[in-house]
C-alpha atoms as a PDB file:
ATOM      1  CA  UNK A   1       4.421-109.953 155.950  1.00  0.00           C
ATOM      2  CA  UNK A   2       4.187-112.330 152.982  1.00  0.00           C
ATOM      3  CA  UNK A   3       5.402-112.387 149.429  1.00  0.00           C
ATOM      4  CA  UNK A   4       2.301-114.324 148.338  1.00  0.00           C
ATOM      5  CA  UNK A   5      -0.309-111.741 147.430  1.00  0.00           C
ATOM      6  CA  UNK A   6      -3.303-114.018 147.198  1.00  0.00           C
ATOM      7  CA  UNK A   7      -6.868-112.751 147.295  1.00  0.00           C
ATOM      8  CA  UNK A   8      -8.659-113.120 150.638  1.00  0.00           C
ATOM      9  CA  UNK A   9     -11.650-115.417 151.189  1.00  0.00           C
ATOM     10  CA  UNK A  10     -14.032-113.857 153.728  1.00  0.00           C
ATOM     11  CA  UNK A  11     -17.058-115.641 155.164  1.00  0.00           C
ATOM     12  CA  UNK A  12     -18.282-113.723 158.199  1.00  0.00           C
ATOM     13  CA  UNK A  13     -18.056-110.306 159.797  1.00  0.00           C
ATOM     14  CA  UNK A  14     -15.962-108.889 156.924  1.00  0.00           C
ATOM     15  CA  UNK A  15     -18.749-109.445 154.372  1.00  0.00           C
ATOM     16  CA  UNK A  16     -20.660-106.398 153.085  1.00  0.00           C
ATOM     17  CA  UNK A  17     -23.241-105.291 155.628  1.00  0.00           C
ATOM     18  CA  UNK A  18     -21.462-107.008 158.536  1.00  0.00           C
ATOM     19  CA  UNK A  19     -19.832-105.177 161.439  1.00  0.00           C
ATOM     20  CA  UNK A  20     -16.157-105.546 160.371  1.00  0.00           C
ATOM     21  CA  UNK A  21     -16.732-104.753 156.698  1.00  0.00           C
ATOM     22  CA  UNK A  22     -15.542-101.125 157.138  1.00  0.00           C
ATOM     23  CA  UNK A  23     -12.016-102.537 157.564  1.00  0.00           C
ATOM     24  CA  UNK A  24     -12.110-103.505 153.864  1.00  0.00           C
ATOM     25  CA  UNK A  25     -14.417-100.804 152.495  1.00  0.00           C
ATOM     26  CA  UNK A  26     -12.642 -98.684 149.900  1.00  0.00           C
ATOM     27  CA  UNK A  27      -9.558-100.941 149.960  1.00  0.00           C
ATOM     28  CA  UNK A  28     -10.650-103.672 147.540  1.00  0.00           C
ATOM     29  CA  UNK A  29     -10.843-104.082 143.775  1.00  0.00           C
ATOM     30  CA  UNK A  30     -13.268-107.018 143.491  1.00  0.00           C
ATOM     31  CA  UNK A  31     -15.722-109.233 145.374  1.00  0.00           C
ATOM     32  CA  UNK A  32     -16.637-112.641 143.921  1.00  0.00           C
ATOM     33  CA  UNK A  33     -18.999-115.195 145.518  1.00  0.00           C
ATOM     34  CA  UNK A  34     -17.165-118.439 146.294  1.00  0.00           C
ATOM     35  CA  UNK A  35     -17.311-121.643 148.311  1.00  0.00           C
ATOM     36  CA  UNK A  36     -14.614-123.208 150.466  1.00  0.00           C
ATOM     37  CA  UNK A  37     -15.032-126.995 150.168  1.00  0.00           C
ATOM     38  CA  UNK A  38     -13.959-129.342 152.951  1.00  0.00           C
ATOM     39  CA  UNK A  39     -14.819-126.980 155.781  1.00  0.00           C
ATOM     40  CA  UNK A  40     -17.489-126.429 158.431  1.00  0.00           C
ATOM     41  CA  UNK A  41     -18.789-123.147 159.826  1.00  0.00           C
ATOM     42  CA  UNK A  42     -19.606-122.598 163.487  1.00  0.00           C
ATOM     43  CA  UNK A  43     -21.251-119.756 165.363  1.00  0.00           C
ATOM     44  CA  UNK A  44     -18.987-118.228 167.981  1.00  0.00           C
ATOM     45  CA  UNK A  45     -20.150-115.838 170.678  1.00  0.00           C
ATOM     46  CA  UNK A  46     -20.145-112.870 168.254  1.00  0.00           C
ATOM     47  CA  UNK A  47     -18.421-114.149 165.159  1.00  0.00           C
ATOM     48  CA  UNK A  48     -18.099-117.167 162.853  1.00  0.00           C
ATOM     49  CA  UNK A  49     -15.375-119.790 162.958  1.00  0.00           C
ATOM     50  CA  UNK A  50     -14.437-121.996 160.001  1.00  0.00           C
ATOM     51  CA  UNK A  51     -12.861-125.381 160.639  1.00  0.00           C
ATOM     52  CA  UNK A  52     -11.137-127.360 157.915  1.00  0.00           C
ATOM     53  CA  UNK A  53     -12.667-130.804 157.435  1.00  0.00           C
ATOM     54  CA  UNK A  54     -10.910-132.170 154.316  1.00  0.00           C
ATOM     55  CA  UNK A  55     -12.466-135.625 154.658  1.00  0.00           C
ATOM     56  CA  UNK A  56     -15.977-134.202 154.967  1.00  0.00           C
ATOM     57  CA  UNK A  57     -18.437-132.836 152.461  1.00  0.00           C
ATOM     58  CA  UNK A  58     -19.071-129.553 154.264  1.00  0.00           C
ATOM     59  CA  UNK A  59     -18.544-126.160 152.705  1.00  0.00           C
ATOM     60  CA  UNK A  60     -18.358-122.538 153.774  1.00  0.00           C
ATOM     61  CA  UNK A  61     -19.911-119.819 151.612  1.00  0.00           C
ATOM     62  CA  UNK A  62     -18.276-116.421 151.310  1.00  0.00           C
ATOM     63  CA  UNK A  63     -16.553-114.092 148.883  1.00  0.00           C
ATOM     64  CA  UNK A  64     -13.097-113.831 147.368  1.00  0.00           C
ATOM     65  CA  UNK A  65     -11.792-110.295 147.779  1.00  0.00           C
ATOM     66  CA  UNK A  66      -9.166-108.837 145.470  1.00  0.00           C
ATOM     67  CA  UNK A  67      -6.859-106.358 147.202  1.00  0.00           C
ATOM     68  CA  UNK A  68      -4.869-103.770 145.190  1.00  0.00           C
ATOM     69  CA  UNK A  69      -1.073-104.117 145.440  1.00  0.00           C
ATOM     70  CA  UNK A  70      -0.696-100.566 146.803  1.00  0.00           C
ATOM     71  CA  UNK A  71      -2.603-101.422 150.007  1.00  0.00           C
ATOM     72  CA  UNK A  72      -2.134-105.208 150.165  1.00  0.00           C
ATOM     73  CA  UNK A  73       0.407-105.374 153.004  1.00  0.00           C
ATOM     74  CA  UNK A  74      -1.549-102.894 155.138  1.00  0.00           C
ATOM     75  CA  UNK A  75      -4.847-104.743 154.584  1.00  0.00           C
ATOM     76  CA  UNK A  76      -3.300-108.119 155.392  1.00  0.00           C
ATOM     77  CA  UNK A  77      -1.709-106.698 158.563  1.00  0.00           C
ATOM     78  CA  UNK A  78      -5.091-105.255 159.618  1.00  0.00           C
ATOM     79  CA  UNK A  79      -6.807-108.601 158.984  1.00  0.00           C
ATOM     80  CA  UNK A  80      -4.114-110.518 160.909  1.00  0.00           C
ATOM     81  CA  UNK A  81      -4.622-108.153 163.838  1.00  0.00           C
ATOM     82  CA  UNK A  82      -8.426-108.470 163.700  1.00  0.00           C
ATOM     83  CA  UNK A  83      -8.224-112.278 163.595  1.00  0.00           C
ATOM     84  CA  UNK A  84      -5.615-112.560 166.353  1.00  0.00           C
ATOM     85  CA  UNK A  85      -3.057-114.157 164.038  1.00  0.00           C
ATOM     86  CA  UNK A  86       0.737-113.989 164.230  1.00  0.00           C
ATOM     87  CA  UNK A  87       2.879-116.415 162.235  1.00  0.00           C
ATOM     88  CA  UNK A  88       4.051-119.320 164.387  1.00  0.00           C
ATOM     89  CA  UNK A  89       2.237-118.196 167.563  1.00  0.00           C
ATOM     90  CA  UNK A  90       0.655-121.150 169.432  1.00  0.00           C
ATOM     91  CA  UNK A  91      -1.833-118.740 171.042  1.00  0.00           C
ATOM     92  CA  UNK A  92      -3.447-117.723 167.732  1.00  0.00           C
ATOM     93  CA  UNK A  93      -7.211-117.398 167.778  1.00  0.00           C
ATOM     94  CA  UNK A  94      -7.229-117.970 164.013  1.00  0.00           C
ATOM     95  CA  UNK A  95      -4.646-119.347 161.593  1.00  0.00           C
ATOM     96  CA  UNK A  96      -4.155-117.798 158.162  1.00  0.00           C
ATOM     97  CA  UNK A  97      -3.942-120.571 155.551  1.00  0.00           C
ATOM     98  CA  UNK A  98      -4.160-120.748 151.780  1.00  0.00           C
ATOM     99  CA  UNK A  99      -6.766-122.971 150.171  1.00  0.00           C
ATOM    100  CA  UNK A 100      -8.441-123.356 146.808  1.00  0.00           C
ATOM    101  CA  UNK A 101     -11.947-121.900 146.756  1.00  0.00           C
ATOM    102  CA  UNK A 102     -14.546-122.347 144.018  1.00  0.00           C
ATOM    103  CA  UNK A 103     -16.147-119.378 142.338  1.00  0.00           C
ATOM    104  CA  UNK A 104     -18.948-119.514 139.799  1.00  0.00           C
ATOM    105  CA  UNK A 105     -16.512-119.643 136.869  1.00  0.00           C
ATOM    106  CA  UNK A 106     -13.175-120.761 138.283  1.00  0.00           C
ATOM    107  CA  UNK A 107     -11.185-121.991 141.227  1.00  0.00           C
ATOM    108  CA  UNK A 108      -8.609-119.769 142.864  1.00  0.00           C
ATOM    109  CA  UNK A 109      -6.165-119.994 145.728  1.00  0.00           C
ATOM    110  CA  UNK A 110      -6.881-117.530 148.523  1.00  0.00           C
ATOM    111  CA  UNK A 111      -5.859-116.694 152.067  1.00  0.00           C
ATOM    112  CA  UNK A 112      -8.469-117.371 154.728  1.00  0.00           C
ATOM    113  CA  UNK A 113      -8.665-117.570 158.488  1.00  0.00           C
ATOM    114  CA  UNK A 114      -9.633-120.820 160.220  1.00  0.00           C
ATOM    115  CA  UNK A 115      -9.875-121.830 163.868  1.00  0.00           C
ATOM    116  CA  UNK A 116      -6.521-121.655 165.616  1.00  0.00           C
ATOM    117  CA  UNK A 117      -5.481-123.449 168.809  1.00  0.00           C
ATOM    118  CA  UNK A 118      -7.273-121.085 171.202  1.00  0.00           C
ATOM    119  CA  UNK A 119     -10.655-121.234 169.439  1.00  0.00           C
ATOM    120  CA  UNK A 120     -10.398-124.974 168.852  1.00  0.00           C
ATOM    121  CA  UNK A 121      -9.773-125.587 172.551  1.00  0.00           C
ATOM    122  CA  UNK A 122     -12.036-122.998 174.181  1.00  0.00           C
ATOM    123  CA  UNK A 123     -14.965-122.319 171.906  1.00  0.00           C
ATOM    124  CA  UNK A 124     -15.597-125.117 169.440  1.00  0.00           C
ATOM    125  CA  UNK A 125     -16.628-127.838 171.906  1.00  0.00           C
ATOM    126  CA  UNK A 126     -19.854-125.931 172.653  1.00  0.00           C
ATOM    127  CA  UNK A 127     -20.328-124.038 169.366  1.00  0.00           C
ATOM    128  CA  UNK A 128     -23.318-124.471 167.081  1.00  0.00           C
ATOM    129  CA  UNK A 129     -22.676-125.528 163.514  1.00  0.00           C
ATOM    130  CA  UNK A 130     -24.251-123.271 160.878  1.00  0.00           C
ATOM    131  CA  UNK A 131     -26.110-125.535 158.451  1.00  0.00           C
ATOM    132  CA  UNK A 132     -25.147-124.796 154.861  1.00  0.00           C
ATOM    133  CA  UNK A 133     -22.020-122.912 155.943  1.00  0.00           C
ATOM    134  CA  UNK A 134     -23.442-119.451 155.214  1.00  0.00           C
ATOM    135  CA  UNK A 135     -22.940-116.789 157.903  1.00  0.00           C
ATOM    136  CA  UNK A 136     -25.518-114.559 156.215  1.00  0.00           C
ATOM    137  CA  UNK A 137     -28.152-117.193 157.046  1.00  0.00           C
ATOM    138  CA  UNK A 138     -27.016-117.804 160.628  1.00  0.00           C
ATOM    139  CA  UNK A 139     -30.370-116.765 162.070  1.00  0.00           C
ATOM    140  CA  UNK A 140     -31.944-119.885 160.583  1.00  0.00           C
ATOM    141  CA  UNK A 141     -29.646-121.975 162.810  1.00  0.00           C
ATOM    142  CA  UNK A 142     -31.307-125.014 164.337  1.00  0.00           C
ATOM    143  CA  UNK A 143     -30.014-127.670 166.645  1.00  0.00           C
ATOM    144  CA  UNK A 144     -27.503-127.654 169.460  1.00  0.00           C
ATOM    145  CA  UNK A 145     -23.762-127.935 169.862  1.00  0.00           C
ATOM    146  CA  UNK A 146     -21.982-129.867 167.153  1.00  0.00           C
ATOM    147  CA  UNK A 147     -19.138-132.306 167.392  1.00  0.00           C
ATOM    148  CA  UNK A 148     -15.796-131.281 165.942  1.00  0.00           C
END
């Protein structure tokens, strides 16, 4: 798995009230609002996709989730499976990367999932950007497909 037991930054269907949240329910120790700077959020067919844009001023809003050590490896394996990620696989839907995210009081390094080769090639060219980078406000989306 990994020897780096970082918290997980979630920004879409894993958030409380969203359809994949049950995967984390009862397996976390903390949830802290945070922002991922240098990223853009897009609306996929049924799920969000974050794209790193280090030169840009975009941001993605989400939460940093603390996972207890006793269940960490199992939770990370479940998330990798959900996101279609396997280390070194060129067919990944998402890539798991570590980035610094900003909370209200501090910055912290966290794992997060961003568009992998498959999503970048197949979905992003016609995806709609979510203004403000907040999946919870996706229904206020305006405009058409965005350039990546």
